[in-house]
N, C-alpha and C. Protein backbone atom coordinates (compact mmCIF):
# COMPACT_ATOMS: atom_id res chain seq x y z
N MET A 1 -44.88 58.33 -142.03
CA MET A 1 -45.30 57.09 -141.52
C MET A 1 -44.57 55.89 -142.04
N ARG A 2 -44.61 54.82 -141.27
CA ARG A 2 -43.21 53.74 -141.29
C ARG A 2 -44.51 52.26 -141.80
N GLN A 3 -44.03 51.40 -143.04
CA GLN A 3 -44.82 50.15 -142.69
C GLN A 3 -43.76 49.27 -142.49
N LEU A 4 -44.67 48.46 -141.12
CA LEU A 4 -44.24 47.71 -140.75
C LEU A 4 -44.66 46.02 -141.14
N LYS A 5 -43.44 45.14 -140.85
CA LYS A 5 -44.49 43.53 -140.76
C LYS A 5 -44.79 43.29 -140.02
N ILE A 6 -46.38 43.13 -139.12
CA ILE A 6 -46.85 42.18 -138.42
C ILE A 6 -47.32 40.70 -138.24
N ILE A 7 -46.46 40.52 -137.43
CA ILE A 7 -46.85 38.62 -137.08
C ILE A 7 -48.06 38.64 -136.65
N VAL A 8 -49.20 37.78 -136.92
CA VAL A 8 -50.06 37.37 -136.43
C VAL A 8 -50.73 35.84 -136.48
N GLY A 9 -50.91 35.43 -134.84
CA GLY A 9 -51.10 34.27 -134.49
C GLY A 9 -52.16 34.19 -134.09
N LYS A 10 -53.71 33.23 -134.65
CA LYS A 10 -54.60 32.53 -134.37
C LYS A 10 -54.44 31.32 -133.13
N HIS A 11 -55.12 31.73 -132.66
CA HIS A 11 -55.17 30.36 -131.50
C HIS A 11 -56.52 30.16 -130.46
N PRO A 12 -56.98 29.06 -130.27
CA PRO A 12 -58.01 28.78 -129.73
C PRO A 12 -58.96 30.01 -129.36
N GLU A 13 -57.65 30.58 -128.29
CA GLU A 13 -58.65 31.61 -127.55
C GLU A 13 -58.76 33.12 -128.38
N GLY A 14 -58.23 33.33 -129.30
CA GLY A 14 -58.09 34.47 -129.71
C GLY A 14 -56.85 34.32 -131.18
N CYS A 15 -56.36 35.87 -131.07
CA CYS A 15 -55.38 35.93 -132.26
C CYS A 15 -54.62 36.84 -131.34
N VAL A 16 -52.94 36.91 -131.67
CA VAL A 16 -51.78 37.87 -131.27
C VAL A 16 -51.25 38.19 -131.90
N ALA A 17 -51.11 39.54 -132.06
CA ALA A 17 -50.07 40.31 -133.68
C ALA A 17 -48.85 41.22 -132.34
N TYR A 18 -47.55 40.97 -133.28
CA TYR A 18 -46.63 41.70 -132.58
C TYR A 18 -45.58 41.97 -134.00
N PRO A 19 -44.94 43.40 -134.14
CA PRO A 19 -44.28 43.57 -134.85
C PRO A 19 -43.07 43.67 -135.23
N LEU A 20 -42.46 43.10 -136.19
CA LEU A 20 -41.24 42.83 -136.45
C LEU A 20 -40.57 44.67 -136.52
N GLY A 21 -39.03 44.51 -136.30
CA GLY A 21 -38.52 45.42 -136.58
C GLY A 21 -38.25 46.77 -135.59
N LEU A 22 -38.91 46.55 -134.42
CA LEU A 22 -38.94 47.42 -132.61
C LEU A 22 -38.19 47.08 -131.97
N LYS A 23 -37.54 48.16 -131.63
CA LYS A 23 -36.87 48.02 -129.92
C LYS A 23 -38.04 47.52 -129.06
N GLY A 24 -37.67 46.98 -128.31
CA GLY A 24 -38.91 46.75 -127.17
C GLY A 24 -39.79 45.41 -127.44
N VAL A 25 -41.00 45.25 -126.61
CA VAL A 25 -42.00 44.25 -126.95
C VAL A 25 -43.31 45.04 -126.86
N VAL A 26 -43.75 44.92 -128.16
CA VAL A 26 -45.10 45.51 -128.55
C VAL A 26 -45.85 44.52 -128.63
N VAL A 27 -47.13 44.23 -127.91
CA VAL A 27 -48.30 42.99 -128.46
C VAL A 27 -49.13 43.44 -128.44
N GLY A 28 -50.31 42.60 -129.36
CA GLY A 28 -52.13 43.02 -129.40
C GLY A 28 -52.63 41.93 -129.36
N GLU A 29 -53.59 42.31 -129.02
CA GLU A 29 -54.80 40.62 -129.15
C GLU A 29 -55.84 41.16 -129.51
N GLY A 30 -56.61 39.82 -129.33
CA GLY A 30 -58.23 40.28 -129.70
C GLY A 30 -59.00 39.04 -130.39
N ASP A 31 -59.78 38.64 -130.04
CA ASP A 31 -60.75 37.72 -130.39
C ASP A 31 -60.25 37.65 -131.90
N THR A 32 -60.70 38.32 -132.64
CA THR A 32 -60.21 38.10 -134.24
C THR A 32 -59.04 38.76 -134.46
N CYS A 33 -58.38 38.52 -135.65
CA CYS A 33 -57.30 38.75 -136.30
C CYS A 33 -57.27 40.24 -136.80
N GLU A 34 -58.25 40.49 -136.44
CA GLU A 34 -58.33 41.66 -137.52
C GLU A 34 -58.72 42.88 -136.15
N GLU A 35 -58.93 42.69 -134.99
CA GLU A 35 -58.83 42.82 -133.41
C GLU A 35 -57.44 43.52 -133.22
N ALA A 36 -56.92 42.05 -133.19
CA ALA A 36 -55.49 41.98 -132.83
C ALA A 36 -54.52 42.65 -133.53
N LEU A 37 -54.82 43.01 -134.70
CA LEU A 37 -54.01 44.13 -135.78
C LEU A 37 -54.27 45.56 -135.28
N ALA A 38 -55.56 45.44 -134.73
CA ALA A 38 -56.09 47.20 -134.67
C ALA A 38 -55.77 47.94 -133.12
N ASP A 39 -55.48 46.04 -132.00
CA ASP A 39 -54.73 46.24 -130.93
C ASP A 39 -52.82 46.64 -131.07
N VAL A 40 -52.34 46.32 -131.90
CA VAL A 40 -50.95 46.34 -132.29
C VAL A 40 -50.62 47.54 -132.11
N LYS A 41 -51.67 47.97 -133.61
CA LYS A 41 -51.30 49.20 -134.02
C LYS A 41 -51.22 50.35 -133.30
N SER A 42 -52.63 50.25 -132.35
CA SER A 42 -52.35 51.44 -131.22
C SER A 42 -51.36 51.48 -130.18
N ALA A 43 -50.76 50.01 -130.33
CA ALA A 43 -50.24 50.16 -129.10
C ALA A 43 -48.86 50.30 -130.17
N ILE A 44 -48.40 50.54 -130.86
CA ILE A 44 -47.15 50.44 -131.73
C ILE A 44 -47.32 51.89 -131.85
N LYS A 45 -48.29 52.91 -132.11
CA LYS A 45 -48.37 54.17 -131.64
C LYS A 45 -47.69 54.64 -129.91
N PHE A 46 -48.35 54.25 -128.87
CA PHE A 46 -48.16 54.73 -127.85
C PHE A 46 -46.55 54.55 -127.62
N HIS A 47 -46.36 53.31 -127.75
CA HIS A 47 -44.61 53.22 -127.50
C HIS A 47 -43.98 53.91 -128.62
N MET A 48 -44.07 54.40 -129.80
CA MET A 48 -43.87 55.46 -130.28
C MET A 48 -44.00 57.18 -129.84
N GLY A 49 -45.09 57.03 -129.44
CA GLY A 49 -45.41 58.20 -128.53
C GLY A 49 -44.58 58.28 -127.51
N THR A 50 -44.35 57.22 -126.74
CA THR A 50 -43.06 57.57 -125.38
C THR A 50 -41.77 57.42 -125.41
N PHE A 51 -41.47 56.88 -126.64
CA PHE A 51 -39.90 56.29 -126.93
C PHE A 51 -39.32 57.17 -128.31
N GLY A 52 -40.38 57.68 -128.67
CA GLY A 52 -39.91 58.58 -130.61
C GLY A 52 -39.00 57.49 -131.00
N ARG A 53 -38.98 57.91 -132.44
CA ARG A 53 -38.63 56.72 -133.67
C ARG A 53 -37.26 56.26 -133.69
N GLU A 54 -36.62 56.73 -132.02
CA GLU A 54 -35.27 55.43 -131.66
C GLU A 54 -35.81 54.26 -131.78
N ILE A 55 -37.21 53.88 -131.61
CA ILE A 55 -37.77 52.57 -131.52
C ILE A 55 -37.94 52.03 -132.43
N PHE A 56 -37.29 52.10 -133.58
CA PHE A 56 -37.07 51.80 -134.87
C PHE A 56 -35.66 50.86 -135.10
N GLU A 57 -35.56 49.85 -135.32
CA GLU A 57 -34.26 48.96 -135.74
C GLU A 57 -33.58 49.90 -137.37
N THR A 58 -32.48 49.74 -137.45
CA THR A 58 -31.97 50.86 -138.04
C THR A 58 -32.49 50.12 -139.32
N GLU A 59 -31.75 48.50 -139.63
CA GLU A 59 -32.03 47.85 -140.79
C GLU A 59 -33.53 47.56 -141.09
N GLU A 60 -33.71 47.16 -142.46
CA GLU A 60 -35.06 47.03 -142.82
C GLU A 60 -35.56 45.66 -143.07
N ILE A 61 -36.34 45.02 -142.71
CA ILE A 61 -36.81 43.22 -142.84
C ILE A 61 -37.11 43.48 -143.78
N MET A 62 -35.87 42.73 -145.08
CA MET A 62 -36.40 42.49 -145.98
C MET A 62 -37.31 41.13 -146.32
N GLU A 63 -37.66 40.44 -145.67
CA GLU A 63 -38.50 39.00 -146.06
C GLU A 63 -38.92 38.42 -144.63
N THR A 64 -39.70 37.88 -144.80
CA THR A 64 -40.70 37.34 -143.25
C THR A 64 -40.76 36.22 -143.74
N PHE A 65 -40.87 34.66 -142.70
CA PHE A 65 -41.32 33.67 -143.12
C PHE A 65 -41.34 32.62 -142.03
N VAL A 66 -42.49 31.63 -141.50
CA VAL A 66 -42.28 31.04 -140.77
C VAL A 66 -41.98 30.10 -140.76
N ALA A 67 -40.98 29.18 -139.53
CA ALA A 67 -40.45 28.12 -139.68
C ALA A 67 -40.19 27.83 -138.42
N GLU A 68 -40.49 26.17 -138.42
CA GLU A 68 -40.40 25.24 -136.98
C GLU A 68 -39.64 24.83 -136.73
N VAL A 69 -38.98 24.82 -135.49
CA VAL A 69 -37.98 23.69 -134.30
C VAL A 69 -38.29 23.18 -133.29
N ALA A 70 -37.55 22.22 -133.10
CA ALA A 70 -38.15 21.55 -132.01
C ALA A 70 -36.67 21.46 -130.85
N VAL A 71 -37.34 22.09 -129.50
CA VAL A 71 -36.49 22.67 -128.60
C VAL A 71 -36.76 21.08 -127.54
């Protein structure tokens, strides 16, 4: 079992969740943040079952934060 950091964003239409530290794109969504977390957990398990343990980045993410930039 491996611990992952998950980013969860709440939008007017619902919530979106995605993990950090994985190769490839894995996203979960739901009407609530709890649903989005459950969905992304299921997607991670599927991704891992399809591609194996090679999906994990080799270096651990030590800290996460949210920042804003103007583009």
